Amino acid sequence: MLKRSINLFIALFAITVIGIESYIYWHVQLRPWQPATSIGRLIFYYSFFTVLSNFMLALSCFWLTFNPGCNRFSFKVIRLNGLVGVIITALVYNWMLRAIHRPPNLILTFTNESLHVVLPVLGILSWLILGPFRRINFKVIIGSFLSILVYGVYIFVRGYYTNQYPYPFINVTRIGYPKALLAASMVVVLFIGLTFFLWCIDRLRERK
């Protein structure tokens, strides 16, 4: 019961935060370089790695709330993507982006800290303490790797046609393709490294 309650709390917390930001993006153009239309801003919002990572964390926690023993391949890929994604989110934001990102109001300050600090910490701690374990294998890692490649292709294709990129270190219009692709490659390498790191932890833990 405790595991289900904690997973449900994390899932609802993440969905609430994402819902608040979705509402704001739909109604307000926060920056002049953001899309002018509501639909455009929402598509732009859901192109952020941060949002997708927290959404997958929430989805996996919802899954565990109603099916704690789930062993489906799709669940395992989503779970791994969510866990690795929020770690990268926390590392990249707090190392590279915090100094240049200033939320325009208190509500967005709260949601920003929730997505980049609070939820990553809750997600990883809940996994380390509660599991479930023995859900990561080579096939799951390949599935996660392919998913981040699809995301990367989407970001660069969309950016090619819109000149809009979610992060400055992959903004081709400002830094060019060589630097943007190098930065993206480094994120992919970090992603792969973390998946194998979590796999090692997963192998050392008992099935729970």
Protein backbone atom coordinates (compact mmCIF):
# COMPACT_ATOMS: atom_id res chain seq x y z
CA MET A 1 0.00 0.00 0.00
CA LEU A 2 2.84 2.39 0.87
CA LYS A 3 4.56 1.78 -2.48
CA ARG A 4 1.35 2.44 -4.38
CA SER A 5 0.68 5.62 -2.40
CA ILE A 6 4.18 6.98 -3.03
CA ASN A 7 4.03 6.18 -6.75
CA LEU A 8 0.57 7.74 -7.00
CA PHE A 9 1.80 10.89 -5.23
CA ILE A 10 4.78 11.26 -7.60
CA ALA A 11 2.56 10.67 -10.63
CA LEU A 12 -0.09 13.17 -9.54
CA PHE A 13 2.53 15.73 -8.54
CA ALA A 14 4.23 15.51 -11.95
CA ILE A 15 0.99 15.62 -13.91
CA THR A 16 -0.22 18.60 -11.87
CA VAL A 17 2.99 20.55 -12.50
CA ILE A 18 2.99 19.71 -16.21
CA GLY A 19 -0.71 20.60 -16.36
CA ILE A 20 -0.08 24.02 -14.80
CA GLU A 21 2.69 24.81 -17.26
CA SER A 22 0.61 23.50 -20.17
CA TYR A 23 -2.21 25.84 -19.19
CA ILE A 24 0.18 28.80 -19.00
CA TYR A 25 1.84 27.98 -22.32
CA TRP A 26 -1.57 27.66 -23.96
CA HIS A 27 -2.69 31.09 -22.80
CA VAL A 28 0.49 33.19 -22.63
CA GLN A 29 3.46 33.83 -24.90
CA LEU A 30 6.12 34.09 -22.19
CA ARG A 31 9.03 34.96 -24.48
CA PRO A 32 9.06 36.78 -27.85
CA TRP A 33 10.82 33.84 -29.52
CA GLN A 34 8.12 31.35 -28.54
CA PRO A 35 5.40 30.42 -31.07
CA ALA A 36 2.62 32.98 -31.35
CA THR A 37 -0.24 30.47 -31.44
CA SER A 38 -1.56 28.41 -28.52
CA ILE A 39 -1.15 25.10 -30.35
CA GLY A 40 2.36 26.06 -31.47
CA ARG A 41 3.38 26.91 -27.91
CA LEU A 42 1.96 23.65 -26.59
CA ILE A 43 3.85 21.63 -29.21
CA PHE A 44 6.97 23.59 -28.33
CA TYR A 45 6.42 22.93 -24.61
CA TYR A 46 6.09 19.19 -25.10
CA SER A 47 9.27 19.19 -27.15
CA PHE A 48 11.33 19.83 -24.01
CA PHE A 49 13.31 16.83 -22.79
CA THR A 50 12.48 17.92 -19.25
CA VAL A 51 8.74 17.69 -19.81
CA LEU A 52 8.86 14.36 -21.62
CA SER A 53 11.16 12.83 -18.98
CA ASN A 54 8.91 13.89 -16.12
CA PHE A 55 5.85 12.76 -18.05
CA MET A 56 7.36 9.28 -18.55
CA LEU A 57 8.29 9.16 -14.87
CA ALA A 58 4.68 10.01 -14.03
CA LEU A 59 3.34 7.43 -16.47
CA SER A 60 5.54 4.69 -15.03
CA CYS A 61 4.48 5.64 -11.48
CA PHE A 62 0.80 5.50 -12.50
CA TRP A 63 1.50 2.08 -14.03
CA LEU A 64 3.06 0.86 -10.77
CA THR A 65 0.15 2.22 -8.75
CA PHE A 66 -2.34 -0.04 -10.51
CA ASN A 67 -0.03 -2.89 -11.56
CA PRO A 68 2.98 -3.09 -9.19
CA GLY A 69 4.22 -6.36 -10.68
CA CYS A 70 4.15 -5.19 -14.28
CA ASN A 71 6.85 -6.77 -16.41
CA ARG A 72 5.82 -5.58 -19.88
CA PHE A 73 8.54 -4.39 -22.24
CA SER A 74 6.79 -1.08 -22.93
CA PHE A 75 6.57 -0.36 -19.20
CA LYS A 76 10.24 -1.17 -18.66
CA VAL A 77 11.35 1.16 -21.47
CA ILE A 78 9.12 3.98 -20.23
CA ARG A 79 10.33 3.45 -16.67
CA LEU A 80 14.00 3.51 -17.68
CA ASN A 81 13.47 6.55 -19.90
CA GLY A 82 11.76 8.37 -17.06
CA LEU A 83 14.46 7.57 -14.49
CA VAL A 84 17.42 8.33 -16.75
CA GLY A 85 15.64 11.33 -18.24
CA VAL A 86 15.03 13.07 -14.91
CA ILE A 87 18.64 12.47 -13.86
CA ILE A 88 19.85 14.16 -17.06
CA THR A 89 17.27 16.90 -16.57
CA ALA A 90 18.59 17.67 -13.09
CA LEU A 91 22.26 17.48 -14.12
CA VAL A 92 22.04 19.58 -17.29
CA TYR A 93 19.72 22.22 -15.86
CA ASN A 94 21.60 22.77 -12.61
CA TRP A 95 25.01 22.62 -14.29
CA MET A 96 24.38 24.54 -17.52
CA LEU A 97 21.02 26.27 -17.66
CA ARG A 98 20.12 27.56 -14.19
CA ALA A 99 22.32 30.63 -14.54
CA ILE A 100 20.59 31.73 -17.76
CA HIS A 101 17.01 30.69 -17.03
CA ARG A 102 14.81 32.99 -14.98
CA PRO A 103 11.14 32.00 -14.61
CA PRO A 104 8.96 35.12 -15.00
CA ASN A 105 6.73 34.56 -11.94
CA LEU A 106 6.35 32.59 -8.70
CA ILE A 107 4.09 29.93 -10.17
CA LEU A 108 6.60 29.09 -12.89
CA THR A 109 9.43 29.24 -10.36
CA PHE A 110 7.59 26.55 -8.37
CA THR A 111 6.92 24.38 -11.42
CA ASN A 112 10.46 24.89 -12.70
CA GLU A 113 12.04 23.73 -9.44
CA SER A 114 9.59 20.85 -9.26
CA LEU A 115 10.52 19.53 -12.71
CA HIS A 116 14.26 20.10 -12.42
CA VAL A 117 14.94 19.26 -8.77
CA VAL A 118 12.06 17.91 -6.68
CA LEU A 119 10.63 15.29 -9.06
CA PRO A 120 14.04 13.95 -10.15
CA VAL A 121 15.00 13.46 -6.50
CA LEU A 122 11.66 11.86 -5.63
CA GLY A 123 11.76 9.63 -8.70
CA ILE A 124 15.27 8.30 -8.15
CA LEU A 125 14.94 7.89 -4.38
CA SER A 126 11.63 6.04 -4.74
CA TRP A 127 13.23 3.66 -7.25
CA LEU A 128 16.35 3.08 -5.13
CA ILE A 129 14.27 2.36 -2.02
CA LEU A 130 11.12 0.75 -3.38
CA GLY A 131 12.02 -0.59 -6.82
CA PRO A 132 10.77 -2.49 -8.69
CA PHE A 133 14.06 -4.06 -9.68
CA ARG A 134 15.10 -6.62 -12.27
CA ARG A 135 13.32 -4.60 -14.93
CA ILE A 136 16.40 -3.49 -16.89
CA ASN A 137 18.15 -5.65 -19.46
CA PHE A 138 20.01 -5.17 -22.74
CA LYS A 139 16.80 -5.26 -24.79
CA VAL A 140 15.27 -2.53 -22.63
CA ILE A 141 18.42 -0.41 -22.97
CA ILE A 142 18.25 -0.75 -26.75
CA GLY A 143 14.60 0.36 -26.65
CA SER A 144 15.54 3.40 -24.59
CA PHE A 145 18.45 4.22 -26.89
CA LEU A 146 16.21 4.10 -29.96
CA SER A 147 13.65 6.33 -28.28
CA ILE A 148 16.18 9.07 -27.54
CA LEU A 149 17.43 8.86 -31.12
CA VAL A 150 13.85 9.37 -32.35
CA TYR A 151 13.53 12.35 -30.01
CA GLY A 152 16.78 13.84 -31.30
CA VAL A 153 15.73 13.44 -34.93
CA TYR A 154 12.40 15.07 -34.14
CA ILE A 155 14.06 18.06 -32.44
CA PHE A 156 16.42 18.74 -35.34
CA VAL A 157 13.81 18.16 -38.05
CA ARG A 158 11.32 20.40 -36.28
CA GLY A 159 14.02 23.00 -35.70
CA TYR A 160 14.97 22.93 -39.37
CA TYR A 161 11.46 23.98 -40.36
CA THR A 162 10.63 26.29 -37.43
CA ASN A 163 14.04 27.60 -36.26
CA GLN A 164 12.86 26.77 -32.73
CA TYR A 165 14.98 24.62 -30.43
CA PRO A 166 14.16 23.84 -26.79
CA TYR A 167 17.73 24.35 -25.51
CA PRO A 168 20.47 26.86 -26.39
CA PHE A 169 23.22 24.22 -26.67
CA ILE A 170 21.39 22.58 -29.60
CA ASN A 171 20.14 25.79 -31.21
CA VAL A 172 21.45 25.37 -34.75
CA THR A 173 20.46 28.89 -35.79
CA ARG A 174 22.79 30.33 -33.13
CA ILE A 175 25.70 27.91 -32.86
CA GLY A 176 25.55 25.91 -36.12
CA TYR A 177 25.17 22.20 -36.79
CA PRO A 178 28.67 21.01 -35.74
CA LYS A 179 28.39 22.38 -32.17
CA ALA A 180 24.71 21.45 -31.85
CA LEU A 181 25.27 17.88 -33.01
CA LEU A 182 28.30 17.55 -30.73
CA ALA A 183 26.23 18.68 -27.75
CA ALA A 184 23.40 16.34 -28.69
CA SER A 185 25.87 13.46 -29.04
CA MET A 186 27.23 14.17 -25.56
CA VAL A 187 23.71 13.97 -24.14
CA VAL A 188 23.19 10.64 -25.92
CA VAL A 189 26.47 9.31 -24.50
CA LEU A 190 25.41 10.46 -21.03
CA PHE A 191 22.03 8.80 -21.54
CA ILE A 192 23.65 5.49 -22.52
CA GLY A 193 26.11 5.67 -19.64
CA LEU A 194 23.34 6.26 -17.12
CA THR A 195 21.23 3.41 -18.49
CA PHE A 196 24.10 0.99 -17.93
CA PHE A 197 24.76 2.51 -14.48
CA LEU A 198 21.14 1.96 -13.47
CA TRP A 199 21.33 -1.53 -14.97
CA CYS A 200 24.26 -2.31 -12.64
CA ILE A 201 22.29 -1.07 -9.64
CA ASP A 202 19.27 -3.04 -10.81
CA ARG A 203 21.35 -6.24 -11.04
CA LEU A 204 22.60 -5.80 -7.48
CA ARG A 205 19.16 -5.46 -5.97
CA GLU A 206 16.68 -8.18 -5.18
CA ARG A 207 13.44 -8.41 -7.09
CA LYS A 208 10.81 -6.41 -5.20
